[in-house]
């Protein structure tokens, strides 16, 4: 199987001012036709938790597979 890697984007939060917000984390997914889509870190973690619990759905498996880029 070779090496694989992930692309993660972190949007910095702002703790004060008129528009406070927490930082946000996203993972990049690659589609079969070369398309790209960002999903939230929370959704990604749900997929990992389901895999570890043995309750992984086909859609969640596709998310995990498309989040790992192989050399």
PDB file of N, CA and C in Angstrom:
ATOM      1  N   UNK A   1       0.831  -1.188   0.000  1.00  0.00           N
ATOM      2  CA  UNK A   1       0.000   0.000   0.000  1.00  0.00           C
ATOM      3  C   UNK A   1       0.864   1.236   0.000  1.00  0.00           C
ATOM      4  N   UNK A   2       1.568   1.862  -0.018  1.00  0.00           N
ATOM      5  CA  UNK A   2       2.350   3.068  -0.079  1.00  0.00           C
ATOM      6  C   UNK A   2       1.909   4.133   0.930  1.00  0.00           C
ATOM      7  N   UNK A   3       2.512   5.199   0.773  1.00  0.00           N
ATOM      8  CA  UNK A   3       2.217   6.314   1.685  1.00  0.00           C
ATOM      9  C   UNK A   3       0.901   6.985   1.296  1.00  0.00           C
ATOM     10  N   UNK A   4       0.254   7.555   2.281  1.00  0.00           N
ATOM     11  CA  UNK A   4      -0.935   8.368   2.013  1.00  0.00           C
ATOM     12  C   UNK A   4      -0.860   9.617   2.871  1.00  0.00           C
ATOM     13  N   UNK A   5      -1.601  10.628   2.467  1.00  0.00           N
ATOM     14  CA  UNK A   5      -1.595  11.877   3.214  1.00  0.00           C
ATOM     15  C   UNK A   5      -2.958  12.525   3.112  1.00  0.00           C
ATOM     16  N   UNK A   6      -3.193  13.497   3.980  1.00  0.00           N
ATOM     17  CA  UNK A   6      -4.458  14.219   4.033  1.00  0.00           C
ATOM     18  C   UNK A   6      -4.193  15.711   3.893  1.00  0.00           C
ATOM     19  N   UNK A   7      -5.228  16.411   3.435  1.00  0.00           N
ATOM     20  CA  UNK A   7      -5.162  17.862   3.365  1.00  0.00           C
ATOM     21  C   UNK A   7      -6.206  18.396   4.335  1.00  0.00           C
ATOM     22  N   UNK A   8      -5.760  19.225   5.263  1.00  0.00           N
ATOM     23  CA  UNK A   8      -6.652  19.800   6.267  1.00  0.00           C
ATOM     24  C   UNK A   8      -6.551  21.321   6.198  1.00  0.00           C
ATOM     25  N   UNK A   9      -7.691  21.972   6.351  1.00  0.00           N
ATOM     26  CA  UNK A   9      -7.735  23.433   6.354  1.00  0.00           C
ATOM     27  C   UNK A   9      -8.264  23.884   7.710  1.00  0.00           C
ATOM     28  N   UNK A  10      -7.584  24.849   8.307  1.00  0.00           N
ATOM     29  CA  UNK A  10      -8.026  25.401   9.588  1.00  0.00           C
ATOM     30  C   UNK A  10      -8.314  26.880   9.381  1.00  0.00           C
ATOM     31  N   UNK A  11      -9.560  27.273   9.691  1.00  0.00           N
ATOM     32  CA  UNK A  11      -9.964  28.667   9.600  1.00  0.00           C
ATOM     33  C   UNK A  11      -9.864  29.246  11.010  1.00  0.00           C
ATOM     34  N   UNK A  12      -9.007  30.227  11.144  1.00  0.00           N
ATOM     35  CA  UNK A  12      -8.726  30.826  12.446  1.00  0.00           C
ATOM     36  C   UNK A  12      -9.989  31.418  13.068  1.00  0.00           C
ATOM     37  N   UNK A  13     -10.136  31.238  14.352  1.00  0.00           N
ATOM     38  CA  UNK A  13     -11.264  31.802  15.078  1.00  0.00           C
ATOM     39  C   UNK A  13     -10.985  33.219  15.533  1.00  0.00           C
ATOM     40  N   UNK A  14     -12.009  33.836  16.089  1.00  0.00           N
ATOM     41  CA  UNK A  14     -11.888  35.195  16.616  1.00  0.00           C
ATOM     42  C   UNK A  14     -12.654  35.226  17.925  1.00  0.00           C
ATOM     43  N   UNK A  15     -11.967  35.482  19.012  1.00  0.00           N
ATOM     44  CA  UNK A  15     -12.584  35.384  20.321  1.00  0.00           C
ATOM     45  C   UNK A  15     -13.213  36.650  20.851  1.00  0.00           C
ATOM     46  N   UNK A  16     -13.195  37.707  20.097  1.00  0.00           N
ATOM     47  CA  UNK A  16     -13.739  38.973  20.586  1.00  0.00           C
ATOM     48  C   UNK A  16     -14.284  39.776  19.413  1.00  0.00           C
ATOM     49  N   UNK A  17     -14.847  40.925  19.692  1.00  0.00           N
ATOM     50  CA  UNK A  17     -15.360  41.791  18.637  1.00  0.00           C
ATOM     51  C   UNK A  17     -16.827  41.529  18.356  1.00  0.00           C
ATOM     52  N   UNK A  18     -17.296  42.076  17.261  1.00  0.00           N
ATOM     53  CA  UNK A  18     -18.724  41.986  16.943  1.00  0.00           C
ATOM     54  C   UNK A  18     -19.106  40.644  16.320  1.00  0.00           C
ATOM     55  N   UNK A  19     -18.130  39.862  15.883  1.00  0.00           N
ATOM     56  CA  UNK A  19     -18.420  38.584  15.244  1.00  0.00           C
ATOM     57  C   UNK A  19     -17.509  37.473  15.776  1.00  0.00           C
ATOM     58  N   UNK A  20     -17.604  37.142  17.080  1.00  0.00           N
ATOM     59  CA  UNK A  20     -16.724  36.094  17.614  1.00  0.00           C
ATOM     60  C   UNK A  20     -17.101  34.727  17.046  1.00  0.00           C
ATOM     61  N   UNK A  21     -16.100  33.885  16.832  1.00  0.00           N
ATOM     62  CA  UNK A  21     -16.350  32.543  16.322  1.00  0.00           C
ATOM     63  C   UNK A  21     -15.186  31.628  16.697  1.00  0.00           C
ATOM     64  N   UNK A  22     -15.493  30.347  16.795  1.00  0.00           N
ATOM     65  CA  UNK A  22     -14.457  29.359  17.083  1.00  0.00           C
ATOM     66  C   UNK A  22     -13.721  29.014  15.789  1.00  0.00           C
ATOM     67  N   UNK A  23     -12.520  28.471  15.938  1.00  0.00           N
ATOM     68  CA  UNK A  23     -11.796  28.028  14.749  1.00  0.00           C
ATOM     69  C   UNK A  23     -12.547  26.851  14.139  1.00  0.00           C
ATOM     70  N   UNK A  24     -12.421  26.712  12.843  1.00  0.00           N
ATOM     71  CA  UNK A  24     -13.091  25.639  12.120  1.00  0.00           C
ATOM     72  C   UNK A  24     -12.049  24.801  11.399  1.00  0.00           C
ATOM     73  N   UNK A  25     -12.259  23.484  11.385  1.00  0.00           N
ATOM     74  CA  UNK A  25     -11.339  22.562  10.709  1.00  0.00           C
ATOM     75  C   UNK A  25     -12.106  21.814   9.630  1.00  0.00           C
ATOM     76  N   UNK A  26     -11.447  21.617   8.492  1.00  0.00           N
ATOM     77  CA  UNK A  26     -12.047  20.917   7.359  1.00  0.00           C
ATOM     78  C   UNK A  26     -11.054  19.927   6.776  1.00  0.00           C
ATOM     79  N   UNK A  27     -11.569  18.887   6.116  1.00  0.00           N
ATOM     80  CA  UNK A  27     -10.744  17.898   5.426  1.00  0.00           C
ATOM     81  C   UNK A  27     -11.145  17.897   3.956  1.00  0.00           C
ATOM     82  N   UNK A  28     -10.149  17.809   3.089  1.00  0.00           N
ATOM     83  CA  UNK A  28     -10.393  17.808   1.653  1.00  0.00           C
ATOM     84  C   UNK A  28     -10.648  16.390   1.160  1.00  0.00           C
ATOM     85  N   UNK A  29     -11.760  16.226   0.412  1.00  0.00           N
ATOM     86  CA  UNK A  29     -12.100  14.953  -0.205  1.00  0.00           C
ATOM     87  C   UNK A  29     -11.910  15.084  -1.707  1.00  0.00           C
ATOM     88  N   UNK A  30     -11.450  14.007  -2.328  1.00  0.00           N
ATOM     89  CA  UNK A  30     -11.329  14.019  -3.789  1.00  0.00           C
ATOM     90  C   UNK A  30     -12.351  13.070  -4.384  1.00  0.00           C
ATOM     91  N   UNK A  31     -13.044  13.548  -5.397  1.00  0.00           N
ATOM     92  CA  UNK A  31     -14.047  12.738  -6.071  1.00  0.00           C
ATOM     93  C   UNK A  31     -13.420  11.879  -7.160  1.00  0.00           C
ATOM     94  N   UNK A  32     -14.195  10.933  -7.661  1.00  0.00           N
ATOM     95  CA  UNK A  32     -13.703  10.032  -8.696  1.00  0.00           C
ATOM     96  C   UNK A  32     -13.414  10.763 -10.002  1.00  0.00           C
ATOM     97  N   UNK A  33     -14.127  11.843 -10.261  1.00  0.00           N
ATOM     98  CA  UNK A  33     -13.928  12.591 -11.493  1.00  0.00           C
ATOM     99  C   UNK A  33     -12.945  13.754 -11.312  1.00  0.00           C
ATOM    100  N   UNK A  34     -12.210  13.757 -10.209  1.00  0.00           N
ATOM    101  CA  UNK A  34     -11.228  14.806  -9.957  1.00  0.00           C
ATOM    102  C   UNK A  34     -11.770  16.005  -9.195  1.00  0.00           C
ATOM    103  N   UNK A  35     -13.055  15.975  -8.858  1.00  0.00           N
ATOM    104  CA  UNK A  35     -13.632  17.089  -8.102  1.00  0.00           C
ATOM    105  C   UNK A  35     -13.101  17.083  -6.671  1.00  0.00           C
ATOM    106  N   UNK A  36     -13.199  18.218  -6.022  1.00  0.00           N
ATOM    107  CA  UNK A  36     -12.725  18.347  -4.636  1.00  0.00           C
ATOM    108  C   UNK A  36     -13.828  18.969  -3.799  1.00  0.00           C
ATOM    109  N   UNK A  37     -13.920  18.536  -2.541  1.00  0.00           N
ATOM    110  CA  UNK A  37     -14.957  19.031  -1.635  1.00  0.00           C
ATOM    111  C   UNK A  37     -14.405  19.040  -0.218  1.00  0.00           C
ATOM    112  N   UNK A  38     -14.721  20.092   0.541  1.00  0.00           N
ATOM    113  CA  UNK A  38     -14.308  20.177   1.948  1.00  0.00           C
ATOM    114  C   UNK A  38     -15.442  19.690   2.827  1.00  0.00           C
ATOM    115  N   UNK A  39     -15.121  18.859   3.845  1.00  0.00           N
ATOM    116  CA  UNK A  39     -16.112  18.479   4.856  1.00  0.00           C
ATOM    117  C   UNK A  39     -15.587  18.904   6.224  1.00  0.00           C
ATOM    118  N   UNK A  40     -16.502  19.092   7.142  1.00  0.00           N
ATOM    119  CA  UNK A  40     -16.106  19.533   8.478  1.00  0.00           C
ATOM    120  C   UNK A  40     -15.340  18.439   9.201  1.00  0.00           C
ATOM    121  N   UNK A  41     -14.501  18.860  10.113  1.00  0.00           N
ATOM    122  CA  UNK A  41     -13.729  17.919  10.931  1.00  0.00           C
ATOM    123  C   UNK A  41     -14.675  17.035  11.747  1.00  0.00           C
ATOM    124  N   UNK A  42     -15.788  17.605  12.193  1.00  0.00           N
ATOM    125  CA  UNK A  42     -16.747  16.839  12.986  1.00  0.00           C
ATOM    126  C   UNK A  42     -17.326  15.683  12.171  1.00  0.00           C
ATOM    127  N   UNK A  43     -17.699  15.943  10.904  1.00  0.00           N
ATOM    128  CA  UNK A  43     -18.221  14.879  10.040  1.00  0.00           C
ATOM    129  C   UNK A  43     -17.159  13.799   9.811  1.00  0.00           C
ATOM    130  N   UNK A  44     -15.926  14.239   9.617  1.00  0.00           N
ATOM    131  CA  UNK A  44     -14.831  13.302   9.404  1.00  0.00           C
ATOM    132  C   UNK A  44     -14.634  12.426  10.637  1.00  0.00           C
ATOM    133  N   UNK A  45     -14.676  13.029  11.818  1.00  0.00           N
ATOM    134  CA  UNK A  45     -14.515  12.277  13.063  1.00  0.00           C
ATOM    135  C   UNK A  45     -15.660  11.283  13.266  1.00  0.00           C
ATOM    136  N   UNK A  46     -16.883  11.640  12.836  1.00  0.00           N
ATOM    137  CA  UNK A  46     -18.010  10.707  12.921  1.00  0.00           C
ATOM    138  C   UNK A  46     -17.712   9.445  12.111  1.00  0.00           C
ATOM    139  N   UNK A  47     -17.101   9.618  10.944  1.00  0.00           N
ATOM    140  CA  UNK A  47     -16.752   8.472  10.095  1.00  0.00           C
ATOM    141  C   UNK A  47     -15.708   7.589  10.777  1.00  0.00           C
ATOM    142  N   UNK A  48     -14.716   8.208  11.378  1.00  0.00           N
ATOM    143  CA  UNK A  48     -13.672   7.449  12.078  1.00  0.00           C
ATOM    144  C   UNK A  48     -14.275   6.687  13.261  1.00  0.00           C
ATOM    145  N   UNK A  49     -15.152   7.358  14.009  1.00  0.00           N
ATOM    146  CA  UNK A  49     -15.783   6.712  15.164  1.00  0.00           C
ATOM    147  C   UNK A  49     -16.626   5.517  14.720  1.00  0.00           C
ATOM    148  N   UNK A  50     -17.364   5.677  13.627  1.00  0.00           N
ATOM    149  CA  UNK A  50     -18.183   4.576  13.112  1.00  0.00           C
ATOM    150  C   UNK A  50     -17.299   3.412  12.674  1.00  0.00           C
ATOM    151  N   UNK A  51     -16.170   3.709  12.052  1.00  0.00           N
ATOM    152  CA  UNK A  51     -15.245   2.646  11.632  1.00  0.00           C
ATOM    153  C   UNK A  51     -14.725   1.887  12.851  1.00  0.00           C
ATOM    154  N   UNK A  52     -14.327   2.617  13.882  1.00  0.00           N
ATOM    155  CA  UNK A  52     -13.800   1.991  15.097  1.00  0.00           C
ATOM    156  C   UNK A  52     -14.851   1.179  15.837  1.00  0.00           C
ATOM    157  N   UNK A  53     -16.134   1.594  15.725  1.00  0.00           N
ATOM    158  CA  UNK A  53     -17.228   0.882  16.400  1.00  0.00           C
ATOM    159  C   UNK A  53     -17.803  -0.255  15.561  1.00  0.00           C
ATOM    160  N   UNK A  54     -17.341  -0.389  14.320  1.00  0.00           N
ATOM    161  CA  UNK A  54     -17.862  -1.436  13.456  1.00  0.00           C
ATOM    162  C   UNK A  54     -19.207  -1.113  12.843  1.00  0.00           C
ATOM    163  N   UNK A  55     -19.594   0.156  12.807  1.00  0.00           N
ATOM    164  CA  UNK A  55     -20.896   0.561  12.262  1.00  0.00           C
ATOM    165  C   UNK A  55     -20.737   1.451  11.033  1.00  0.00           C
ATOM    166  N   UNK A  56     -19.641   1.308  10.336  1.00  0.00           N
ATOM    167  CA  UNK A  56     -19.325   2.148   9.187  1.00  0.00           C
ATOM    168  C   UNK A  56     -20.292   1.876   8.029  1.00  0.00           C
ATOM    169  N   UNK A  57     -20.917   2.924   7.504  1.00  0.00           N
ATOM    170  CA  UNK A  57     -21.782   2.790   6.336  1.00  0.00           C
ATOM    171  C   UNK A  57     -20.929   2.907   5.072  1.00  0.00           C
ATOM    172  N   UNK A  58     -21.508   2.555   3.940  1.00  0.00           N
ATOM    173  CA  UNK A  58     -20.780   2.661   2.670  1.00  0.00           C
ATOM    174  C   UNK A  58     -20.407   4.113   2.389  1.00  0.00           C
ATOM    175  N   UNK A  59     -21.301   5.043   2.663  1.00  0.00           N
ATOM    176  CA  UNK A  59     -21.025   6.462   2.427  1.00  0.00           C
ATOM    177  C   UNK A  59     -19.864   6.936   3.303  1.00  0.00           C
ATOM    178  N   UNK A  60     -19.854   6.523   4.570  1.00  0.00           N
ATOM    179  CA  UNK A  60     -18.759   6.903   5.463  1.00  0.00           C
ATOM    180  C   UNK A  60     -17.442   6.291   4.998  1.00  0.00           C
ATOM    181  N   UNK A  61     -17.473   5.071   4.495  1.00  0.00           N
ATOM    182  CA  UNK A  61     -16.266   4.442   3.960  1.00  0.00           C
ATOM    183  C   UNK A  61     -15.738   5.232   2.771  1.00  0.00           C
ATOM    184  N   UNK A  62     -16.643   5.684   1.917  1.00  0.00           N
ATOM    185  CA  UNK A  62     -16.243   6.493   0.761  1.00  0.00           C
ATOM    186  C   UNK A  62     -15.598   7.802   1.211  1.00  0.00           C
ATOM    187  N   UNK A  63     -16.130   8.404   2.282  1.00  0.00           N
ATOM    188  CA  UNK A  63     -15.541   9.641   2.811  1.00  0.00           C
ATOM    189  C   UNK A  63     -14.115   9.379   3.273  1.00  0.00           C
ATOM    190  N   UNK A  64     -13.911   8.329   4.055  1.00  0.00           N
ATOM    191  CA  UNK A  64     -12.571   8.018   4.555  1.00  0.00           C
ATOM    192  C   UNK A  64     -11.607   7.692   3.418  1.00  0.00           C
ATOM    193  N   UNK A  65     -12.088   6.925   2.441  1.00  0.00           N
ATOM    194  CA  UNK A  65     -11.231   6.569   1.305  1.00  0.00           C
ATOM    195  C   UNK A  65     -10.847   7.793   0.493  1.00  0.00           C
ATOM    196  N   UNK A  66     -11.786   8.722   0.294  1.00  0.00           N
ATOM    197  CA  UNK A  66     -11.497   9.889  -0.537  1.00  0.00           C
ATOM    198  C   UNK A  66     -10.715  10.980   0.200  1.00  0.00           C
ATOM    199  N   UNK A  67     -10.571  10.840   1.509  1.00  0.00           N
ATOM    200  CA  UNK A  67      -9.810  11.825   2.281  1.00  0.00           C
ATOM    201  C   UNK A  67      -8.325  11.488   2.341  1.00  0.00           C
ATOM    202  N   UNK A  68      -7.954  10.279   1.921  1.00  0.00           N
ATOM    203  CA  UNK A  68      -6.550   9.865   1.948  1.00  0.00           C
ATOM    204  C   UNK A  68      -6.005   9.871   0.532  1.00  0.00           C
ATOM    205  N   UNK A  69      -5.039  10.721   0.292  1.00  0.00           N
ATOM    206  CA  UNK A  69      -4.408  10.857  -1.019  1.00  0.00           C
ATOM    207  C   UNK A  69      -3.171   9.966  -1.032  1.00  0.00           C
ATOM    208  N   UNK A  70      -3.043   9.159  -2.049  1.00  0.00           N
ATOM    209  CA  UNK A  70      -1.918   8.221  -2.118  1.00  0.00           C
ATOM    210  C   UNK A  70      -0.894   8.665  -3.137  1.00  0.00           C
ATOM    211  N   UNK A  71       0.371   8.411  -2.793  1.00  0.00           N
ATOM    212  CA  UNK A  71       1.473   8.739  -3.719  1.00  0.00           C
ATOM    213  C   UNK A  71       1.495   7.754  -4.860  1.00  0.00           C
TER     214      UNK A  71
END
